[in-house]
């Protein structure tokens, strides 16, 4: 699947994007290995004016903000600027090689699940990765 990257003025695949941001200071996708948990989609602003995307999802996060604050602390320690662009939930089933992204964050609103899924697909090739705006 391709998307238009206005920053580069061209269409790119998420795999190409994933390779680009893999060179950045933070891993693009960090989610728990299994279970159902909250996640946030985070914009990571680069010095050159561009934006990278991060997906963070963990069961330890009671609130979406807990997950974002952890990432904010890591990014700030590296001199990086971030903004939470929304959240939702992830159901990660490694046995069936499936990841389902859905719902929203009460505090941050609904993340763009399509962006999150694109990044997750690049990290988990061979998985069925899909999303829905339904549910909480």
N, C-alpha and C. Protein backbone atom coordinates (compact mmCIF):
# COMPACT_ATOMS: atom_id res chain seq x y z
N UNK A 1 0.84 -1.18 0.00
CA UNK A 1 0.00 0.00 0.00
C UNK A 1 0.89 1.24 0.00
N UNK A 2 0.49 2.24 -0.75
CA UNK A 2 1.27 3.46 -0.85
C UNK A 2 0.51 4.64 -0.26
N UNK A 3 1.25 5.67 0.11
CA UNK A 3 0.66 6.91 0.57
C UNK A 3 1.51 8.05 0.03
N UNK A 4 0.92 9.23 -0.05
CA UNK A 4 1.63 10.38 -0.59
C UNK A 4 2.37 11.08 0.53
N UNK A 5 3.68 11.18 0.41
CA UNK A 5 4.52 11.86 1.38
C UNK A 5 4.79 13.26 0.83
N UNK A 6 4.06 14.25 1.35
CA UNK A 6 4.18 15.62 0.85
C UNK A 6 5.57 16.19 1.10
N UNK A 7 6.21 15.73 2.16
CA UNK A 7 7.54 16.22 2.49
C UNK A 7 8.53 15.92 1.37
N UNK A 8 8.42 14.73 0.77
CA UNK A 8 9.32 14.34 -0.31
C UNK A 8 8.68 14.51 -1.69
N UNK A 9 7.39 14.85 -1.72
CA UNK A 9 6.71 15.06 -2.99
C UNK A 9 6.58 13.81 -3.83
N UNK A 10 6.39 12.65 -3.15
CA UNK A 10 6.30 11.39 -3.89
C UNK A 10 5.47 10.38 -3.11
N UNK A 11 5.04 9.36 -3.82
CA UNK A 11 4.35 8.25 -3.17
C UNK A 11 5.39 7.31 -2.59
N UNK A 12 5.11 6.79 -1.41
CA UNK A 12 6.02 5.86 -0.76
C UNK A 12 5.22 4.70 -0.17
N UNK A 13 5.91 3.60 0.04
CA UNK A 13 5.29 2.49 0.76
C UNK A 13 5.66 2.64 2.23
N UNK A 14 4.88 2.02 3.11
CA UNK A 14 5.21 2.09 4.52
C UNK A 14 6.53 1.39 4.81
N UNK A 15 6.86 0.35 4.02
CA UNK A 15 8.14 -0.33 4.23
C UNK A 15 9.30 0.64 3.95
N UNK A 16 9.17 1.45 2.89
CA UNK A 16 10.20 2.44 2.57
C UNK A 16 10.30 3.47 3.69
N UNK A 17 9.15 3.93 4.17
CA UNK A 17 9.11 4.91 5.26
C UNK A 17 9.73 4.32 6.52
N UNK A 18 9.40 3.08 6.82
CA UNK A 18 9.92 2.39 8.01
C UNK A 18 11.44 2.33 7.94
N UNK A 19 11.99 2.04 6.77
CA UNK A 19 13.44 1.98 6.63
C UNK A 19 14.06 3.35 6.86
N UNK A 20 13.39 4.42 6.39
CA UNK A 20 13.91 5.76 6.59
C UNK A 20 13.97 6.11 8.08
N UNK A 21 12.86 5.89 8.78
CA UNK A 21 12.82 6.32 10.18
C UNK A 21 13.55 5.35 11.09
N UNK A 22 13.88 4.18 10.60
CA UNK A 22 14.69 3.26 11.39
C UNK A 22 16.04 3.89 11.69
N UNK A 23 16.44 4.84 10.87
CA UNK A 23 17.71 5.52 11.06
C UNK A 23 17.59 6.64 12.08
N UNK A 24 16.39 6.96 12.50
CA UNK A 24 16.20 8.03 13.46
C UNK A 24 16.56 7.56 14.86
N UNK A 25 16.39 8.43 15.82
CA UNK A 25 16.84 8.18 17.18
C UNK A 25 15.93 7.24 17.97
N UNK A 26 14.73 6.97 17.49
CA UNK A 26 13.80 6.13 18.24
C UNK A 26 13.18 5.07 17.35
N UNK A 27 12.95 3.90 17.91
CA UNK A 27 12.32 2.78 17.20
C UNK A 27 10.87 3.18 16.85
N UNK A 28 10.46 3.00 15.59
CA UNK A 28 9.12 3.42 15.18
C UNK A 28 7.98 2.69 15.89
N UNK A 29 8.12 1.39 16.13
CA UNK A 29 7.02 0.62 16.72
C UNK A 29 7.53 -0.15 17.94
N UNK A 30 6.88 0.11 19.06
CA UNK A 30 7.14 -0.66 20.28
C UNK A 30 5.78 -1.01 20.88
N UNK A 31 5.41 -2.29 20.74
CA UNK A 31 4.16 -2.78 21.31
C UNK A 31 4.43 -4.09 22.05
N UNK A 32 3.53 -4.40 22.98
CA UNK A 32 3.65 -5.66 23.71
C UNK A 32 3.53 -6.84 22.77
N UNK A 33 4.14 -7.94 23.15
CA UNK A 33 4.19 -9.14 22.31
C UNK A 33 2.87 -9.88 22.20
N UNK A 34 1.93 -9.62 23.10
CA UNK A 34 0.62 -10.26 23.00
C UNK A 34 -0.35 -9.56 23.94
N UNK A 35 -1.66 -9.79 23.69
CA UNK A 35 -2.69 -9.24 24.57
C UNK A 35 -3.43 -8.06 23.96
N UNK A 36 -4.27 -7.45 24.79
CA UNK A 36 -5.03 -6.26 24.42
C UNK A 36 -4.54 -5.13 25.30
N UNK A 37 -4.21 -4.01 24.67
CA UNK A 37 -3.63 -2.90 25.43
C UNK A 37 -3.88 -1.58 24.71
N UNK A 38 -3.70 -0.49 25.45
CA UNK A 38 -3.85 0.85 24.89
C UNK A 38 -2.60 1.20 24.09
N UNK A 39 -2.82 2.06 23.08
CA UNK A 39 -1.68 2.53 22.29
C UNK A 39 -1.86 4.00 21.95
N UNK A 40 -0.74 4.66 21.64
CA UNK A 40 -0.77 6.04 21.17
C UNK A 40 0.05 6.16 19.89
N UNK A 41 -0.38 7.10 19.04
CA UNK A 41 0.34 7.45 17.82
C UNK A 41 1.00 8.80 18.09
N UNK A 42 2.31 8.85 17.92
CA UNK A 42 3.09 10.02 18.32
C UNK A 42 3.83 10.59 17.11
N UNK A 43 3.73 11.91 16.94
CA UNK A 43 4.51 12.61 15.93
C UNK A 43 5.86 12.96 16.56
N UNK A 44 6.93 12.62 15.86
CA UNK A 44 8.29 12.94 16.29
C UNK A 44 8.82 13.97 15.30
N UNK A 45 9.02 15.19 15.77
CA UNK A 45 9.42 16.28 14.88
C UNK A 45 10.94 16.33 14.75
N UNK A 46 11.40 16.27 13.50
CA UNK A 46 12.83 16.30 13.22
C UNK A 46 13.33 17.73 13.10
N UNK A 47 14.63 17.90 13.25
CA UNK A 47 15.25 19.22 13.14
C UNK A 47 15.08 19.82 11.75
N UNK A 48 14.98 18.96 10.73
CA UNK A 48 14.84 19.47 9.36
C UNK A 48 13.41 19.87 9.03
N UNK A 49 12.51 19.82 10.02
CA UNK A 49 11.12 20.22 9.80
C UNK A 49 10.21 19.06 9.45
N UNK A 50 10.76 17.90 9.21
CA UNK A 50 9.96 16.73 8.88
C UNK A 50 9.37 16.07 10.12
N UNK A 51 8.49 15.12 9.87
CA UNK A 51 7.82 14.40 10.95
C UNK A 51 7.98 12.90 10.75
N UNK A 52 8.37 12.20 11.81
CA UNK A 52 8.36 10.75 11.83
C UNK A 52 7.21 10.33 12.74
N UNK A 53 6.79 9.08 12.60
CA UNK A 53 5.68 8.56 13.41
C UNK A 53 6.16 7.44 14.30
N UNK A 54 5.63 7.41 15.51
CA UNK A 54 5.92 6.36 16.47
C UNK A 54 4.62 5.73 16.94
N UNK A 55 4.62 4.42 17.11
CA UNK A 55 3.49 3.70 17.70
C UNK A 55 3.99 3.08 19.01
N UNK A 56 3.28 3.36 20.09
CA UNK A 56 3.63 2.80 21.39
C UNK A 56 2.39 2.18 22.01
N UNK A 57 2.46 0.90 22.38
CA UNK A 57 1.33 0.23 22.99
C UNK A 57 1.77 -0.74 24.06
N UNK A 58 1.21 -0.57 25.26
CA UNK A 58 1.65 -1.40 26.38
C UNK A 58 0.50 -1.64 27.35
N UNK A 59 0.47 -2.84 27.90
CA UNK A 59 -0.55 -3.21 28.88
C UNK A 59 -0.35 -2.49 30.21
N UNK A 60 0.88 -2.08 30.51
CA UNK A 60 1.13 -1.41 31.78
C UNK A 60 0.50 -0.01 31.84
N UNK A 61 0.12 0.54 30.68
CA UNK A 61 -0.46 1.88 30.66
C UNK A 61 -1.92 1.87 31.09
N UNK A 62 -2.18 2.37 32.29
CA UNK A 62 -3.58 2.47 32.73
C UNK A 62 -4.33 3.48 31.89
N UNK A 63 -3.63 4.56 31.52
CA UNK A 63 -4.20 5.60 30.66
C UNK A 63 -3.30 5.76 29.44
N UNK A 64 -3.87 6.28 28.35
CA UNK A 64 -3.06 6.54 27.16
C UNK A 64 -1.93 7.50 27.50
N UNK A 65 -2.20 8.45 28.38
CA UNK A 65 -1.19 9.43 28.75
C UNK A 65 0.01 8.79 29.45
N UNK A 66 -0.19 7.69 30.18
CA UNK A 66 0.94 7.00 30.81
C UNK A 66 1.94 6.56 29.75
N UNK A 67 1.43 6.03 28.66
CA UNK A 67 2.29 5.55 27.57
C UNK A 67 2.97 6.72 26.88
N UNK A 68 2.19 7.79 26.62
CA UNK A 68 2.78 8.96 25.97
C UNK A 68 3.85 9.60 26.85
N UNK A 69 3.59 9.75 28.14
CA UNK A 69 4.56 10.40 29.03
C UNK A 69 5.88 9.63 29.08
N UNK A 70 5.81 8.31 29.02
CA UNK A 70 7.02 7.50 29.00
C UNK A 70 7.85 7.79 27.74
N UNK A 71 7.16 7.88 26.60
CA UNK A 71 7.84 8.17 25.33
C UNK A 71 8.35 9.60 25.31
N UNK A 72 7.55 10.52 25.85
CA UNK A 72 7.94 11.93 25.91
C UNK A 72 9.24 12.07 26.73
N UNK A 73 9.31 11.36 27.83
CA UNK A 73 10.51 11.41 28.67
C UNK A 73 11.73 10.90 27.91
N UNK A 74 11.57 9.78 27.21
CA UNK A 74 12.68 9.23 26.42
C UNK A 74 13.10 10.20 25.32
N UNK A 75 12.12 10.75 24.61
CA UNK A 75 12.42 11.67 23.50
C UNK A 75 13.07 12.95 24.01
N UNK A 76 12.55 13.50 25.09
CA UNK A 76 13.12 14.73 25.65
C UNK A 76 14.56 14.52 26.07
N UNK A 77 14.84 13.35 26.61
CA UNK A 77 16.21 13.02 27.00
C UNK A 77 17.17 12.98 25.82
N UNK A 78 16.62 12.79 24.62
CA UNK A 78 17.44 12.78 23.40
C UNK A 78 17.35 14.10 22.65
N UNK A 79 16.68 15.09 23.28
CA UNK A 79 16.55 16.41 22.65
C UNK A 79 15.53 16.43 21.52
N UNK A 80 14.56 15.51 21.53
CA UNK A 80 13.58 15.41 20.46
C UNK A 80 12.24 15.96 20.90
N UNK A 81 11.49 16.47 19.94
CA UNK A 81 10.18 17.07 20.17
C UNK A 81 9.09 16.12 19.70
N UNK A 82 8.07 15.89 20.52
CA UNK A 82 6.98 14.98 20.16
C UNK A 82 5.62 15.60 20.44
N UNK A 83 4.61 14.98 19.85
CA UNK A 83 3.21 15.35 20.12
C UNK A 83 2.35 14.11 19.96
N UNK A 84 1.48 13.86 20.94
CA UNK A 84 0.57 12.72 20.83
C UNK A 84 -0.56 13.09 19.89
N UNK A 85 -0.78 12.27 18.87
CA UNK A 85 -1.79 12.56 17.85
C UNK A 85 -3.03 11.68 17.99
N UNK A 86 -3.16 11.00 19.11
CA UNK A 86 -4.35 10.19 19.34
C UNK A 86 -3.98 8.81 19.83
N UNK A 87 -5.01 8.04 20.12
CA UNK A 87 -4.76 6.71 20.64
C UNK A 87 -5.88 5.75 20.30
N UNK A 88 -5.82 4.61 20.90
CA UNK A 88 -6.80 3.56 20.69
C UNK A 88 -6.35 2.32 21.43
N UNK A 89 -6.72 1.17 20.91
CA UNK A 89 -6.31 -0.10 21.51
C UNK A 89 -5.75 -1.01 20.43
N UNK A 90 -4.94 -1.95 20.88
CA UNK A 90 -4.38 -2.96 19.99
C UNK A 90 -4.65 -4.32 20.60
N UNK A 91 -5.10 -5.24 19.76
CA UNK A 91 -5.21 -6.65 20.14
C UNK A 91 -4.15 -7.39 19.35
N UNK A 92 -3.14 -7.91 20.05
CA UNK A 92 -2.02 -8.59 19.40
C UNK A 92 -2.12 -10.08 19.71
N UNK A 93 -2.34 -10.86 18.65
CA UNK A 93 -2.47 -12.32 18.77
C UNK A 93 -1.35 -12.97 17.97
N UNK A 94 -0.20 -13.24 18.63
CA UNK A 94 0.93 -13.81 17.89
C UNK A 94 0.69 -15.24 17.42
N UNK A 95 -0.18 -15.98 18.10
CA UNK A 95 -0.46 -17.36 17.69
C UNK A 95 -1.07 -17.39 16.30
N UNK A 96 -2.01 -16.48 16.05
CA UNK A 96 -2.67 -16.40 14.74
C UNK A 96 -2.03 -15.34 13.83
N UNK A 97 -0.93 -14.75 14.28
CA UNK A 97 -0.23 -13.72 13.51
C UNK A 97 -1.19 -12.63 13.05
N UNK A 98 -1.86 -12.04 14.04
CA UNK A 98 -2.86 -11.01 13.75
C UNK A 98 -2.75 -9.86 14.75
N UNK A 99 -2.84 -8.65 14.23
CA UNK A 99 -2.88 -7.44 15.07
C UNK A 99 -4.06 -6.60 14.61
N UNK A 100 -4.93 -6.28 15.56
CA UNK A 100 -6.13 -5.48 15.30
C UNK A 100 -6.02 -4.17 16.07
N UNK A 101 -6.14 -3.06 15.36
CA UNK A 101 -6.04 -1.72 15.93
C UNK A 101 -7.43 -1.09 15.88
N UNK A 102 -7.89 -0.53 16.99
CA UNK A 102 -9.27 -0.02 17.03
C UNK A 102 -9.45 1.02 18.13
N UNK A 103 -10.62 1.64 18.12
CA UNK A 103 -11.03 2.51 19.22
C UNK A 103 -10.39 3.88 19.23
N UNK A 104 -10.39 4.48 20.43
CA UNK A 104 -9.93 5.85 20.59
C UNK A 104 -9.45 6.07 22.02
N UNK A 105 -8.82 7.20 22.22
CA UNK A 105 -8.39 7.65 23.55
C UNK A 105 -9.32 8.75 24.00
N UNK A 106 -9.80 8.67 25.22
CA UNK A 106 -10.66 9.73 25.75
C UNK A 106 -9.87 11.04 25.83
N UNK A 107 -8.63 10.98 26.27
CA UNK A 107 -7.82 12.18 26.45
C UNK A 107 -7.23 12.75 25.17
N UNK A 108 -6.84 11.90 24.24
CA UNK A 108 -6.15 12.35 23.02
C UNK A 108 -6.97 12.22 21.75
N UNK A 109 -8.11 11.58 21.82
CA UNK A 109 -8.92 11.37 20.62
C UNK A 109 -8.47 10.14 19.85
N UNK A 110 -9.09 9.94 18.70
CA UNK A 110 -8.80 8.77 17.87
C UNK A 110 -7.54 9.02 17.05
N UNK A 111 -6.63 8.05 17.09
CA UNK A 111 -5.42 8.11 16.26
C UNK A 111 -5.79 7.75 14.82
N UNK A 112 -4.93 8.10 13.91
CA UNK A 112 -5.10 7.67 12.52
C UNK A 112 -4.61 6.22 12.46
N UNK A 113 -5.55 5.29 12.60
CA UNK A 113 -5.20 3.88 12.66
C UNK A 113 -4.53 3.38 11.38
N UNK A 114 -4.82 4.02 10.27
CA UNK A 114 -4.19 3.60 9.02
C UNK A 114 -2.68 3.83 9.06
N UNK A 115 -2.26 4.96 9.61
CA UNK A 115 -0.82 5.21 9.76
C UNK A 115 -0.22 4.19 10.71
N UNK A 116 -0.89 3.98 11.85
CA UNK A 116 -0.39 3.02 12.84
C UNK A 116 -0.26 1.62 12.22
N UNK A 117 -1.28 1.20 11.49
CA UNK A 117 -1.24 -0.13 10.87
C UNK A 117 -0.13 -0.25 9.83
N UNK A 118 0.10 0.80 9.08
CA UNK A 118 1.19 0.77 8.10
C UNK A 118 2.54 0.55 8.76
N UNK A 119 2.77 1.22 9.87
CA UNK A 119 4.03 1.05 10.59
C UNK A 119 4.12 -0.34 11.21
N UNK A 120 3.02 -0.80 11.77
CA UNK A 120 2.99 -2.13 12.39
C UNK A 120 3.22 -3.22 11.35
N UNK A 121 2.60 -3.08 10.17
CA UNK A 121 2.81 -4.06 9.09
C UNK A 121 4.28 -4.17 8.71
N UNK A 122 4.96 -3.03 8.69
CA UNK A 122 6.39 -3.04 8.33
C UNK A 122 7.22 -3.78 9.37
N UNK A 123 6.83 -3.70 10.62
CA UNK A 123 7.57 -4.39 11.68
C UNK A 123 7.17 -5.86 11.78
N UNK A 124 5.92 -6.17 11.44
CA UNK A 124 5.42 -7.54 11.56
C UNK A 124 4.98 -8.07 10.19
N UNK A 125 5.91 -8.27 9.27
CA UNK A 125 5.54 -8.82 7.96
C UNK A 125 4.98 -10.23 8.14
N UNK A 126 4.00 -10.55 7.33
CA UNK A 126 3.37 -11.86 7.44
C UNK A 126 2.20 -11.90 8.41
N UNK A 127 2.00 -10.83 9.14
CA UNK A 127 0.84 -10.72 10.03
C UNK A 127 -0.35 -10.13 9.29
N UNK A 128 -1.54 -10.49 9.71
CA UNK A 128 -2.74 -9.79 9.27
C UNK A 128 -2.89 -8.59 10.22
N UNK A 129 -2.73 -7.38 9.68
CA UNK A 129 -2.84 -6.16 10.47
C UNK A 129 -4.01 -5.36 9.90
N UNK A 130 -5.00 -5.11 10.73
CA UNK A 130 -6.19 -4.39 10.26
C UNK A 130 -6.70 -3.48 11.37
N UNK A 131 -7.66 -2.60 10.99
CA UNK A 131 -8.13 -1.62 11.96
C UNK A 131 -9.61 -1.32 11.78
N UNK A 132 -10.17 -0.69 12.81
CA UNK A 132 -11.56 -0.23 12.79
C UNK A 132 -11.65 0.98 13.70
N UNK A 133 -12.54 1.89 13.38
CA UNK A 133 -12.80 3.03 14.25
C UNK A 133 -13.82 2.69 15.33
N UNK A 134 -14.38 1.51 15.27
CA UNK A 134 -15.40 1.09 16.24
C UNK A 134 -14.74 0.69 17.56
N UNK A 135 -15.53 0.74 18.62
CA UNK A 135 -15.09 0.25 19.92
C UNK A 135 -14.30 1.27 20.70
N UNK A 136 -14.03 0.90 21.94
CA UNK A 136 -13.22 1.72 22.84
C UNK A 136 -12.13 0.89 23.38
